[in-house]
């Protein structure tokens, strides 16, 4: 029986020595080594056997299975050194919590709470202007910016006023204007009457829009608060050209002609009976002008 020198693997590495004069040392002698030839063979066998019992195969999987080649399952601390915990929606690992990338607890609930109510657009009050004159083509205007020479406000008389409001939902603008004449004197010029869209809003470049317009005309002299039969109501149209901020008005030529034409208070200064609509012996003014409607706009408006 060979002297016992069991392998010390895997707790440490085995050391194997050989005679310094192998050619002159007989196989049964250890020479200046500590083991002879036969013992060395046995030691090598013991070491290989220890490897086979302790070393995992190249194809090991740490599945904690059973059998001679089973390998232990690694603890989490050794496999999550660079985990992607809560790093994003595609992360493999998520902790429980209230943050966006957390996972919800299994017993979480969905309280009914208050149903979501989308924001509601609000009306904005404004003071619209009513104008005559200026270098514009009333039948085909473009986008008009700022003030320019030749344009002046229609004089609504003593106590006259204008008021308006608008609301925007997406690309739809809805607005309403009221221009009310007070007591004379008035002055509406000799060219077509027009206004502008609220703020800097500009109509869509596609197509054209028309909204409702109504004009009430009353005698030019004396208080306008006379009996209603002294005035006339005219149903017309407010034309909103494409890619423009203009609001132009059109009304029937007269009581015997329902064709629409640009609203003009007088053709010549101080000469009655020549406006549109035609008021025999008078001017197309003195009551109120109203319009209301919706149109598609470019939103936000150009600055």
Protein backbone atom coordinates (compact mmCIF):
# COMPACT_ATOMS: atom_id res chain seq x y z
CA UNK A 1 0.00 0.00 0.00
CA UNK A 2 1.32 3.43 -0.98
CA UNK A 3 2.10 6.02 1.61
CA UNK A 4 -0.96 8.26 1.99
CA UNK A 5 -0.68 11.66 0.36
CA UNK A 6 -4.29 12.43 -0.54
CA UNK A 7 -4.95 15.32 -2.84
CA UNK A 8 -5.58 18.60 -1.14
CA UNK A 9 -7.66 19.95 -4.04
CA UNK A 10 -9.99 21.89 -4.06
CA UNK A 11 -9.04 23.59 -0.78
CA UNK A 12 -5.56 24.18 -2.19
CA UNK A 13 -3.39 23.18 -5.12
CA UNK A 14 -1.37 19.94 -5.12
CA UNK A 15 2.40 20.07 -5.67
CA UNK A 16 4.18 17.39 -7.62
CA UNK A 17 8.00 16.94 -7.40
CA UNK A 18 10.28 14.76 -9.47
CA UNK A 19 13.85 13.49 -8.92
CA UNK A 20 16.53 15.88 -10.07
CA UNK A 21 18.37 12.90 -11.73
CA UNK A 22 15.55 10.97 -13.39
CA UNK A 23 17.87 9.06 -15.76
CA UNK A 24 19.82 7.50 -12.89
CA UNK A 25 16.99 7.14 -10.36
CA UNK A 26 15.27 3.75 -10.41
CA UNK A 27 11.46 3.73 -10.64
CA UNK A 28 11.05 2.24 -7.18
CA UNK A 29 13.11 5.02 -5.58
CA UNK A 30 12.07 8.59 -4.87
CA UNK A 31 15.64 9.84 -5.23
CA UNK A 32 15.85 13.34 -3.90
CA UNK A 33 12.04 13.71 -4.37
CA UNK A 34 9.40 12.61 -1.87
CA UNK A 35 7.50 10.13 -4.10
CA UNK A 36 8.60 7.32 -6.38
CA UNK A 37 7.32 6.70 -9.90
CA UNK A 38 4.35 4.55 -8.93
CA UNK A 39 3.32 6.95 -6.21
CA UNK A 40 3.42 9.84 -8.68
CA UNK A 41 1.01 7.98 -10.96
CA UNK A 42 -1.30 7.43 -8.04
CA UNK A 43 -1.08 11.10 -7.03
CA UNK A 44 -1.93 12.22 -10.53
CA UNK A 45 -4.92 9.88 -10.59
CA UNK A 46 -6.12 11.22 -7.26
CA UNK A 47 -5.82 14.78 -8.55
CA UNK A 48 -7.74 14.01 -11.76
CA UNK A 49 -10.41 12.22 -9.77
CA UNK A 50 -10.72 15.26 -7.50
CA UNK A 51 -11.15 17.48 -10.57
CA UNK A 52 -13.90 15.26 -11.92
CA UNK A 53 -15.71 15.39 -8.60
CA UNK A 54 -15.41 19.14 -8.06
CA UNK A 55 -15.06 20.99 -11.34
CA UNK A 56 -18.19 22.02 -13.32
CA UNK A 57 -18.58 21.21 -16.98
CA UNK A 58 -18.23 23.95 -19.55
CA UNK A 59 -21.98 23.65 -20.20
CA UNK A 60 -22.99 24.12 -16.54
CA UNK A 61 -26.03 26.34 -15.90
CA UNK A 62 -26.27 27.02 -12.15
CA UNK A 63 -29.74 25.55 -12.14
CA UNK A 64 -29.36 23.90 -8.72
CA UNK A 65 -30.31 20.54 -10.19
CA UNK A 66 -29.36 17.04 -8.99
CA UNK A 67 -26.72 14.53 -10.02
CA UNK A 68 -22.93 14.41 -10.16
CA UNK A 69 -22.62 17.47 -12.40
CA UNK A 70 -25.21 19.64 -10.70
CA UNK A 71 -24.09 23.16 -9.91
CA UNK A 72 -25.40 25.42 -7.18
CA UNK A 73 -27.73 28.30 -7.99
CA UNK A 74 -26.06 31.68 -7.58
CA UNK A 75 -27.41 34.02 -4.93
CA UNK A 76 -28.97 37.28 -6.12
CA UNK A 77 -26.09 39.35 -4.74
CA UNK A 78 -23.76 37.66 -7.25
CA UNK A 79 -26.01 38.09 -10.29
CA UNK A 80 -27.41 41.65 -9.86
CA UNK A 81 -24.28 43.75 -9.56
CA UNK A 82 -25.40 45.94 -12.49
CA UNK A 83 -29.15 45.48 -12.49
CA UNK A 84 -31.48 47.73 -14.54
CA UNK A 85 -33.89 48.20 -11.65
CA UNK A 86 -36.49 50.91 -12.36
CA UNK A 87 -34.43 52.25 -15.27
CA UNK A 88 -37.26 52.43 -17.76
CA UNK A 89 -40.32 50.69 -19.21
CA UNK A 90 -38.18 47.92 -20.76
CA UNK A 91 -36.22 47.15 -17.56
CA UNK A 92 -36.32 43.55 -16.35
CA UNK A 93 -36.39 44.54 -12.68
CA UNK A 94 -38.90 46.86 -11.02
CA UNK A 95 -39.43 47.66 -7.36
CA UNK A 96 -42.83 48.42 -5.89
CA UNK A 97 -43.60 52.08 -5.47
CA UNK A 98 -45.48 55.18 -6.67
CA UNK A 99 -42.98 56.40 -9.25
CA UNK A 100 -43.50 56.13 -13.00
CA UNK A 101 -41.08 53.21 -13.48
CA UNK A 102 -42.12 51.33 -10.32
CA UNK A 103 -44.28 48.25 -10.37
CA UNK A 104 -47.66 48.33 -8.66
CA UNK A 105 -48.29 46.08 -5.65
CA UNK A 106 -50.46 43.07 -6.32
CA UNK A 107 -53.17 44.37 -4.01
CA UNK A 108 -53.31 47.89 -5.48
CA UNK A 109 -56.70 49.39 -6.33
CA UNK A 110 -58.05 51.86 -8.86
CA UNK A 111 -60.19 54.38 -6.97
CA UNK A 112 -63.06 55.68 -9.02
CA UNK A 113 -62.28 59.28 -8.09
CA UNK A 114 -63.40 62.24 -10.15
CA UNK A 115 -63.71 61.65 -13.91
CA UNK A 116 -61.25 63.60 -16.02
CA UNK A 117 -62.72 66.81 -17.36
CA UNK A 118 -60.85 68.34 -20.30
CA UNK A 119 -60.06 72.04 -20.04
CA UNK A 120 -62.85 74.28 -21.25
CA UNK A 121 -62.07 77.19 -23.53
CA UNK A 122 -63.20 80.55 -22.20
CA UNK A 123 -64.64 83.57 -23.96
CA UNK A 124 -62.40 86.62 -24.21
CA UNK A 125 -63.93 90.09 -24.32
CA UNK A 126 -62.56 92.72 -26.67
CA UNK A 127 -63.41 96.03 -28.36
CA UNK A 128 -63.49 95.58 -32.16
CA UNK A 129 -62.93 98.44 -34.57
CA UNK A 130 -65.10 99.45 -37.52
CA UNK A 131 -63.24 101.11 -40.39
CA UNK A 132 -63.58 102.68 -43.80
CA UNK A 133 -60.94 103.52 -46.36
CA UNK A 134 -57.37 102.36 -46.62
CA UNK A 135 -55.37 100.72 -49.42
CA UNK A 136 -57.19 97.40 -49.55
CA UNK A 137 -59.13 95.56 -52.22
CA UNK A 138 -62.32 94.68 -50.42
CA UNK A 139 -63.13 91.76 -52.74
CA UNK A 140 -59.75 90.08 -52.53
CA UNK A 141 -57.71 91.30 -49.58
CA UNK A 142 -54.62 89.73 -48.20
CA UNK A 143 -53.29 89.76 -44.68
CA UNK A 144 -53.30 93.33 -43.37
CA UNK A 145 -50.85 94.24 -40.60
CA UNK A 146 -50.82 97.21 -38.27
CA UNK A 147 -52.11 100.68 -39.04
CA UNK A 148 -51.74 102.56 -42.31
CA UNK A 149 -52.68 105.92 -43.79
CA UNK A 150 -56.12 106.31 -45.34
CA UNK A 151 -57.94 104.10 -42.84
CA UNK A 152 -60.12 105.73 -40.24
CA UNK A 153 -62.68 104.58 -37.74
CA UNK A 154 -66.36 104.91 -38.46
CA UNK A 155 -67.77 107.63 -36.18
CA UNK A 156 -70.63 105.99 -34.27
CA UNK A 157 -71.78 109.31 -32.82
CA UNK A 158 -72.32 110.44 -29.24
CA UNK A 159 -72.80 107.45 -26.95
CA UNK A 160 -71.98 104.97 -29.70
CA UNK A 161 -69.87 101.96 -28.80
CA UNK A 162 -68.58 98.59 -30.00
CA UNK A 163 -68.15 95.34 -28.13
CA UNK A 164 -67.09 91.82 -29.00
CA UNK A 165 -65.88 88.53 -27.67
CA UNK A 166 -64.26 85.41 -29.08
CA UNK A 167 -63.33 81.84 -28.19
CA UNK A 168 -60.79 79.48 -29.78
CA UNK A 169 -61.08 75.69 -29.75
CA UNK A 170 -58.25 74.04 -31.67
CA UNK A 171 -58.25 75.70 -35.09
CA UNK A 172 -61.78 77.05 -34.82
CA UNK A 173 -62.41 80.67 -33.95
CA UNK A 174 -65.90 81.79 -32.96
CA UNK A 175 -66.55 85.49 -32.47
CA UNK A 176 -69.36 88.01 -32.18
CA UNK A 177 -69.24 91.79 -32.83
CA UNK A 178 -71.76 94.52 -32.08
CA UNK A 179 -71.38 98.11 -33.29
CA UNK A 180 -74.06 100.46 -31.97
CA UNK A 181 -74.57 104.03 -33.16
CA UNK A 182 -75.38 106.71 -30.61
CA UNK A 183 -76.70 110.19 -31.41
CA UNK A 184 -75.49 112.22 -34.40
CA UNK A 185 -73.25 113.47 -35.83
CA UNK A 186 -71.95 110.36 -37.66
CA UNK A 187 -69.31 109.81 -40.29
CA UNK A 188 -68.90 106.51 -42.10
CA UNK A 189 -66.82 107.69 -45.03
CA UNK A 190 -67.45 106.89 -48.68
CA UNK A 191 -65.83 103.48 -49.01
CA UNK A 192 -66.70 99.93 -47.99
CA UNK A 193 -67.00 99.23 -44.25
CA UNK A 194 -64.88 96.50 -42.68
CA UNK A 195 -63.38 95.19 -39.44
CA UNK A 196 -60.65 92.74 -38.42
CA UNK A 197 -60.57 89.33 -36.75
CA UNK A 198 -59.73 89.33 -33.02
CA UNK A 199 -56.09 89.77 -32.08
CA UNK A 200 -53.74 88.55 -34.81
CA UNK A 201 -55.81 85.58 -35.95
CA UNK A 202 -55.67 84.78 -39.65
CA UNK A 203 -58.15 82.67 -41.59
CA UNK A 204 -57.20 79.38 -43.21
CA UNK A 205 -55.51 79.68 -46.62
CA UNK A 206 -57.98 77.13 -48.02
CA UNK A 207 -61.41 78.28 -49.24
CA UNK A 208 -63.38 81.16 -47.79
CA UNK A 209 -65.80 81.66 -44.92
CA UNK A 210 -69.07 83.55 -44.49
CA UNK A 211 -70.85 84.32 -41.24
CA UNK A 212 -74.16 85.89 -40.31
CA UNK A 213 -74.46 89.68 -40.33
CA UNK A 214 -77.42 92.00 -39.55
CA UNK A 215 -77.70 95.76 -39.97
CA UNK A 216 -80.36 97.98 -38.43
CA UNK A 217 -80.57 101.41 -40.03
CA UNK A 218 -82.34 104.39 -38.42
CA UNK A 219 -82.82 108.09 -39.27
CA UNK A 220 -79.70 110.16 -39.14
CA UNK A 221 -81.22 113.09 -37.26
CA UNK A 222 -82.64 113.02 -33.75
CA UNK A 223 -82.32 110.34 -31.06
CA UNK A 224 -82.19 106.82 -32.44
CA UNK A 225 -84.47 105.63 -29.68
CA UNK A 226 -87.47 106.37 -31.87
CA UNK A 227 -90.23 103.81 -32.46
CA UNK A 228 -88.95 100.71 -34.21
CA UNK A 229 -90.99 101.37 -37.34
CA UNK A 230 -88.72 104.31 -38.13
CA UNK A 231 -85.82 101.93 -38.93
CA UNK A 232 -85.13 98.89 -41.08
CA UNK A 233 -83.44 95.50 -40.50
CA UNK A 234 -81.18 94.11 -43.20
CA UNK A 235 -79.96 90.50 -43.18
CA UNK A 236 -76.61 90.15 -44.87
CA UNK A 237 -73.24 88.45 -44.83
CA UNK A 238 -69.81 88.93 -43.33
CA UNK A 239 -67.17 87.71 -45.77
CA UNK A 240 -63.92 86.29 -44.34
CA UNK A 241 -61.34 85.98 -47.14
CA UNK A 242 -58.79 83.12 -47.09
CA UNK A 243 -55.42 83.74 -45.45
CA UNK A 244 -56.61 87.11 -44.15
CA UNK A 245 -57.61 88.91 -40.98
CA UNK A 246 -60.29 91.02 -42.64
CA UNK A 247 -64.03 90.96 -41.89
CA UNK A 248 -66.00 92.63 -44.69
CA UNK A 249 -69.75 93.21 -44.77
CA UNK A 250 -72.33 92.85 -47.54
CA UNK A 251 -76.06 93.68 -47.53
CA UNK A 252 -78.89 93.84 -50.09
CA UNK A 253 -78.83 96.75 -52.50
CA UNK A 254 -82.28 97.78 -51.30
CA UNK A 255 -85.78 96.66 -50.50
CA UNK A 256 -86.40 95.80 -54.15
CA UNK A 257 -83.06 94.08 -54.83
CA UNK A 258 -81.82 91.27 -52.58
CA UNK A 259 -78.44 90.93 -54.32
CA UNK A 260 -75.61 91.54 -51.87
CA UNK A 261 -73.07 94.31 -52.27
CA UNK A 262 -70.32 95.79 -50.10
CA UNK A 263 -71.73 97.76 -47.19
CA UNK A 264 -71.22 101.47 -47.95
CA UNK A 265 -72.77 104.26 -45.88
CA UNK A 266 -72.41 106.90 -48.61
CA UNK A 267 -70.88 107.10 -52.08
CA UNK A 268 -70.20 110.85 -51.75
CA UNK A 269 -69.65 112.78 -48.58
CA UNK A 270 -72.85 114.26 -47.22
CA UNK A 271 -74.99 113.00 -50.12
CA UNK A 272 -77.86 110.78 -48.88
CA UNK A 273 -79.57 107.96 -50.73
CA UNK A 274 -76.44 106.50 -52.37
CA UNK A 275 -75.36 103.90 -49.80
CA UNK A 276 -75.74 100.10 -49.66
CA UNK A 277 -78.31 99.25 -48.59
CA UNK A 278 -80.20 102.04 -50.29
CA UNK A 279 -81.97 104.36 -47.82
CA UNK A 280 -84.06 106.89 -49.78
CA UNK A 281 -83.08 110.34 -48.58
CA UNK A 282 -80.85 108.93 -45.84
CA UNK A 283 -77.70 107.01 -44.91
CA UNK A 284 -77.19 103.31 -44.07
CA UNK A 285 -76.33 103.98 -40.44
CA UNK A 286 -77.76 105.08 -37.11
CA UNK A 287 -78.83 101.74 -35.61
CA UNK A 288 -76.51 98.80 -35.06
CA UNK A 289 -74.34 96.33 -36.96
CA UNK A 290 -74.02 92.79 -35.68
CA UNK A 291 -72.14 89.68 -36.84
CA UNK A 292 -71.59 86.22 -35.41
CA UNK A 293 -70.01 82.98 -36.61
CA UNK A 294 -67.10 80.54 -36.74
CA UNK A 295 -64.22 79.91 -39.10
CA UNK A 296 -61.05 77.88 -39.42
CA UNK A 297 -57.89 79.78 -38.51
CA UNK A 298 -54.17 79.38 -38.56
CA UNK A 299 -53.32 78.77 -34.92
CA UNK A 300 -51.22 80.03 -33.28
CA UNK A 301 -51.55 83.31 -35.18
CA UNK A 302 -48.47 84.83 -36.84
CA UNK A 303 -46.71 87.44 -34.73
